[in-house]
């Protein structure tokens, strides 16, 4: 007799950062992370926003967690937050956004806190424990 398979939920994560080293670090930290086995890495936040707009009603395609760098050359994290803030109520899903930046400016932390969509401001480097906690929380 076959045992029923438990319903397994995994976190869908997106990293938006212009630094390929940060992509590598995140990929390494996610290796063998059972809670988060589906990750997308991009340098372009506008592409993620376009994907999310096109798939608004398909919640299974939308990310659960977005890690966002603020300082990027073509499309900044601030531009991403401005557009995401306007769109977030259109999604039938709560998408957690974590600002993850090397900025140590208190003004950046205060400014990011004004966005309702931002869950937290995290200074780089992100610890593996913090990443694991966020992934586990997003699927609970």
C-alpha atoms as a PDB file:
ATOM      1  CA  UNK A   1       0.000   0.000   0.000  1.00  0.00           C
ATOM      2  CA  UNK A   2       1.324   3.431  -0.948  1.00  0.00           C
ATOM      3  CA  UNK A   3       1.575   6.114   1.662  1.00  0.00           C
ATOM      4  CA  UNK A   4       0.070   9.482   0.733  1.00  0.00           C
ATOM      5  CA  UNK A   5       2.623  12.125  -0.172  1.00  0.00           C
ATOM      6  CA  UNK A   6       2.613  15.144   2.091  1.00  0.00           C
ATOM      7  CA  UNK A   7       1.795  18.441   0.471  1.00  0.00           C
ATOM      8  CA  UNK A   8       5.197  20.105   0.265  1.00  0.00           C
ATOM      9  CA  UNK A   9       5.343  23.858  -0.106  1.00  0.00           C
ATOM     10  CA  UNK A  10       8.525  25.533  -1.244  1.00  0.00           C
ATOM     11  CA  UNK A  11       9.450  29.179  -1.227  1.00  0.00           C
ATOM     12  CA  UNK A  12       9.846  30.894  -4.605  1.00  0.00           C
ATOM     13  CA  UNK A  13      12.620  33.439  -4.204  1.00  0.00           C
ATOM     14  CA  UNK A  14      13.857  36.250  -6.458  1.00  0.00           C
ATOM     15  CA  UNK A  15      17.148  38.087  -6.018  1.00  0.00           C
ATOM     16  CA  UNK A  16      17.400  41.431  -7.815  1.00  0.00           C
ATOM     17  CA  UNK A  17      20.982  42.643  -7.607  1.00  0.00           C
ATOM     18  CA  UNK A  18      23.500  44.035 -10.084  1.00  0.00           C
ATOM     19  CA  UNK A  19      26.421  42.196  -8.482  1.00  0.00           C
ATOM     20  CA  UNK A  20      27.095  38.676  -9.813  1.00  0.00           C
ATOM     21  CA  UNK A  21      29.054  37.871  -6.651  1.00  0.00           C
ATOM     22  CA  UNK A  22      25.889  38.395  -4.601  1.00  0.00           C
ATOM     23  CA  UNK A  23      24.062  36.024  -6.962  1.00  0.00           C
ATOM     24  CA  UNK A  24      26.766  33.415  -6.368  1.00  0.00           C
ATOM     25  CA  UNK A  25      26.641  33.879  -2.587  1.00  0.00           C
ATOM     26  CA  UNK A  26      22.845  33.510  -2.536  1.00  0.00           C
ATOM     27  CA  UNK A  27      22.997  30.441  -4.785  1.00  0.00           C
ATOM     28  CA  UNK A  28      25.590  28.880  -2.480  1.00  0.00           C
ATOM     29  CA  UNK A  29      23.575  29.619   0.663  1.00  0.00           C
ATOM     30  CA  UNK A  30      20.426  28.153  -0.905  1.00  0.00           C
ATOM     31  CA  UNK A  31      22.179  24.924  -1.862  1.00  0.00           C
ATOM     32  CA  UNK A  32      20.369  22.071  -0.087  1.00  0.00           C
ATOM     33  CA  UNK A  33      17.810  24.438   1.455  1.00  0.00           C
ATOM     34  CA  UNK A  34      14.657  22.316   1.499  1.00  0.00           C
ATOM     35  CA  UNK A  35      12.374  25.309   2.115  1.00  0.00           C
ATOM     36  CA  UNK A  36      13.606  27.240  -0.919  1.00  0.00           C
ATOM     37  CA  UNK A  37      14.557  25.236  -3.967  1.00  0.00           C
ATOM     38  CA  UNK A  38      13.192  27.594  -6.597  1.00  0.00           C
ATOM     39  CA  UNK A  39      15.182  30.791  -7.056  1.00  0.00           C
ATOM     40  CA  UNK A  40      15.511  33.362  -9.823  1.00  0.00           C
ATOM     41  CA  UNK A  41      18.488  35.674 -10.087  1.00  0.00           C
ATOM     42  CA  UNK A  42      18.398  38.841 -12.143  1.00  0.00           C
ATOM     43  CA  UNK A  43      20.153  42.152 -12.636  1.00  0.00           C
ATOM     44  CA  UNK A  44      16.938  43.774 -13.904  1.00  0.00           C
ATOM     45  CA  UNK A  45      14.055  44.482 -11.526  1.00  0.00           C
ATOM     46  CA  UNK A  46      11.853  45.855 -14.313  1.00  0.00           C
ATOM     47  CA  UNK A  47      11.828  42.410 -15.939  1.00  0.00           C
ATOM     48  CA  UNK A  48      10.509  40.876 -12.699  1.00  0.00           C
ATOM     49  CA  UNK A  49       7.789  43.523 -12.434  1.00  0.00           C
ATOM     50  CA  UNK A  50       6.720  42.874 -16.039  1.00  0.00           C
ATOM     51  CA  UNK A  51       6.570  39.123 -15.362  1.00  0.00           C
ATOM     52  CA  UNK A  52       4.493  39.696 -12.229  1.00  0.00           C
ATOM     53  CA  UNK A  53       2.098  42.033 -14.058  1.00  0.00           C
ATOM     54  CA  UNK A  54       1.616  39.455 -16.819  1.00  0.00           C
ATOM     55  CA  UNK A  55       0.972  36.697 -14.260  1.00  0.00           C
ATOM     56  CA  UNK A  56      -1.070  38.620 -11.678  1.00  0.00           C
ATOM     57  CA  UNK A  57      -3.819  36.046 -11.480  1.00  0.00           C
ATOM     58  CA  UNK A  58      -1.486  33.034 -11.580  1.00  0.00           C
ATOM     59  CA  UNK A  59      -0.346  33.201  -7.965  1.00  0.00           C
ATOM     60  CA  UNK A  60       1.580  29.942  -8.249  1.00  0.00           C
ATOM     61  CA  UNK A  61       3.958  31.692 -10.680  1.00  0.00           C
ATOM     62  CA  UNK A  62       4.563  34.709  -8.467  1.00  0.00           C
ATOM     63  CA  UNK A  63       7.473  34.831  -6.045  1.00  0.00           C
ATOM     64  CA  UNK A  64       7.003  34.463  -2.302  1.00  0.00           C
ATOM     65  CA  UNK A  65      10.084  36.475  -1.394  1.00  0.00           C
ATOM     66  CA  UNK A  66      12.061  39.187  -3.185  1.00  0.00           C
ATOM     67  CA  UNK A  67      15.518  40.273  -2.058  1.00  0.00           C
ATOM     68  CA  UNK A  68      16.216  43.685  -3.546  1.00  0.00           C
ATOM     69  CA  UNK A  69      19.409  45.684  -3.823  1.00  0.00           C
ATOM     70  CA  UNK A  70      18.845  49.445  -3.805  1.00  0.00           C
ATOM     71  CA  UNK A  71      21.815  50.746  -5.774  1.00  0.00           C
ATOM     72  CA  UNK A  72      21.740  49.479  -9.344  1.00  0.00           C
ATOM     73  CA  UNK A  73      22.691  51.368 -12.513  1.00  0.00           C
ATOM     74  CA  UNK A  74      19.776  50.963 -14.931  1.00  0.00           C
ATOM     75  CA  UNK A  75      16.703  50.366 -12.783  1.00  0.00           C
ATOM     76  CA  UNK A  76      17.288  51.141  -9.126  1.00  0.00           C
ATOM     77  CA  UNK A  77      15.770  49.385  -6.166  1.00  0.00           C
ATOM     78  CA  UNK A  78      13.900  52.615  -5.415  1.00  0.00           C
ATOM     79  CA  UNK A  79      12.275  52.520  -8.854  1.00  0.00           C
ATOM     80  CA  UNK A  80      11.339  48.884  -8.255  1.00  0.00           C
ATOM     81  CA  UNK A  81       9.776  49.748  -4.882  1.00  0.00           C
ATOM     82  CA  UNK A  82       7.806  52.662  -6.361  1.00  0.00           C
ATOM     83  CA  UNK A  83       6.244  50.433  -9.031  1.00  0.00           C
ATOM     84  CA  UNK A  84       5.790  47.421  -6.756  1.00  0.00           C
ATOM     85  CA  UNK A  85       4.049  49.553  -4.137  1.00  0.00           C
ATOM     86  CA  UNK A  86       1.473  50.621  -6.739  1.00  0.00           C
ATOM     87  CA  UNK A  87       0.975  47.033  -7.965  1.00  0.00           C
ATOM     88  CA  UNK A  88       1.084  44.988  -4.758  1.00  0.00           C
ATOM     89  CA  UNK A  89      -2.655  45.121  -4.087  1.00  0.00           C
ATOM     90  CA  UNK A  90      -3.327  43.722  -7.569  1.00  0.00           C
ATOM     91  CA  UNK A  91      -1.617  40.447  -6.695  1.00  0.00           C
ATOM     92  CA  UNK A  92      -3.726  37.804  -5.014  1.00  0.00           C
ATOM     93  CA  UNK A  93      -0.705  36.919  -2.934  1.00  0.00           C
ATOM     94  CA  UNK A  94       1.381  38.447  -0.186  1.00  0.00           C
ATOM     95  CA  UNK A  95       4.879  38.871  -1.597  1.00  0.00           C
ATOM     96  CA  UNK A  96       7.539  39.656   0.983  1.00  0.00           C
ATOM     97  CA  UNK A  97      10.171  42.210  -0.045  1.00  0.00           C
ATOM     98  CA  UNK A  98      13.481  42.433   1.786  1.00  0.00           C
ATOM     99  CA  UNK A  99      15.779  45.312   0.968  1.00  0.00           C
ATOM    100  CA  UNK A 100      19.255  43.816   1.016  1.00  0.00           C
ATOM    101  CA  UNK A 101      21.961  46.374   0.497  1.00  0.00           C
ATOM    102  CA  UNK A 102      25.516  47.325   1.286  1.00  0.00           C
ATOM    103  CA  UNK A 103      24.339  50.849   2.061  1.00  0.00           C
ATOM    104  CA  UNK A 104      25.004  51.909   5.622  1.00  0.00           C
ATOM    105  CA  UNK A 105      23.138  55.203   5.260  1.00  0.00           C
ATOM    106  CA  UNK A 106      20.464  55.609   7.891  1.00  0.00           C
ATOM    107  CA  UNK A 107      18.485  57.675   5.358  1.00  0.00           C
ATOM    108  CA  UNK A 108      18.185  54.595   3.096  1.00  0.00           C
ATOM    109  CA  UNK A 109      16.870  52.527   5.985  1.00  0.00           C
ATOM    110  CA  UNK A 110      14.338  55.214   6.919  1.00  0.00           C
ATOM    111  CA  UNK A 111      13.264  55.728   3.306  1.00  0.00           C
ATOM    112  CA  UNK A 112      12.786  51.995   2.688  1.00  0.00           C
ATOM    113  CA  UNK A 113      10.673  51.794   5.854  1.00  0.00           C
ATOM    114  CA  UNK A 114       8.152  54.164   4.281  1.00  0.00           C
ATOM    115  CA  UNK A 115       7.189  51.500   1.752  1.00  0.00           C
ATOM    116  CA  UNK A 116       4.425  49.253   3.072  1.00  0.00           C
ATOM    117  CA  UNK A 117       5.676  46.420   0.870  1.00  0.00           C
ATOM    118  CA  UNK A 118       9.104  46.269   2.570  1.00  0.00           C
ATOM    119  CA  UNK A 119       9.299  43.610   5.262  1.00  0.00           C
ATOM    120  CA  UNK A 120      12.795  44.438   6.422  1.00  0.00           C
ATOM    121  CA  UNK A 121      16.039  46.278   5.650  1.00  0.00           C
ATOM    122  CA  UNK A 122      19.007  43.902   5.729  1.00  0.00           C
ATOM    123  CA  UNK A 123      22.626  44.966   5.470  1.00  0.00           C
ATOM    124  CA  UNK A 124      24.897  42.807   3.339  1.00  0.00           C
ATOM    125  CA  UNK A 125      26.184  40.247   3.812  1.00  0.00           C
ATOM    126  CA  UNK A 126      23.050  38.255   4.502  1.00  0.00           C
ATOM    127  CA  UNK A 127      23.619  35.421   6.954  1.00  0.00           C
ATOM    128  CA  UNK A 128      22.594  31.897   6.050  1.00  0.00           C
ATOM    129  CA  UNK A 129      20.504  31.712   9.242  1.00  0.00           C
ATOM    130  CA  UNK A 130      18.559  34.861   8.303  1.00  0.00           C
ATOM    131  CA  UNK A 131      17.991  33.489   4.799  1.00  0.00           C
ATOM    132  CA  UNK A 132      16.793  30.149   6.175  1.00  0.00           C
ATOM    133  CA  UNK A 133      14.450  31.902   8.624  1.00  0.00           C
ATOM    134  CA  UNK A 134      12.941  34.058   5.868  1.00  0.00           C
ATOM    135  CA  UNK A 135      12.450  31.065   3.543  1.00  0.00           C
ATOM    136  CA  UNK A 136      10.889  28.969   6.310  1.00  0.00           C
ATOM    137  CA  UNK A 137       8.605  31.843   7.361  1.00  0.00           C
ATOM    138  CA  UNK A 138       7.386  32.470   3.835  1.00  0.00           C
ATOM    139  CA  UNK A 139       6.055  28.917   3.463  1.00  0.00           C
ATOM    140  CA  UNK A 140       4.496  28.610   6.913  1.00  0.00           C
END
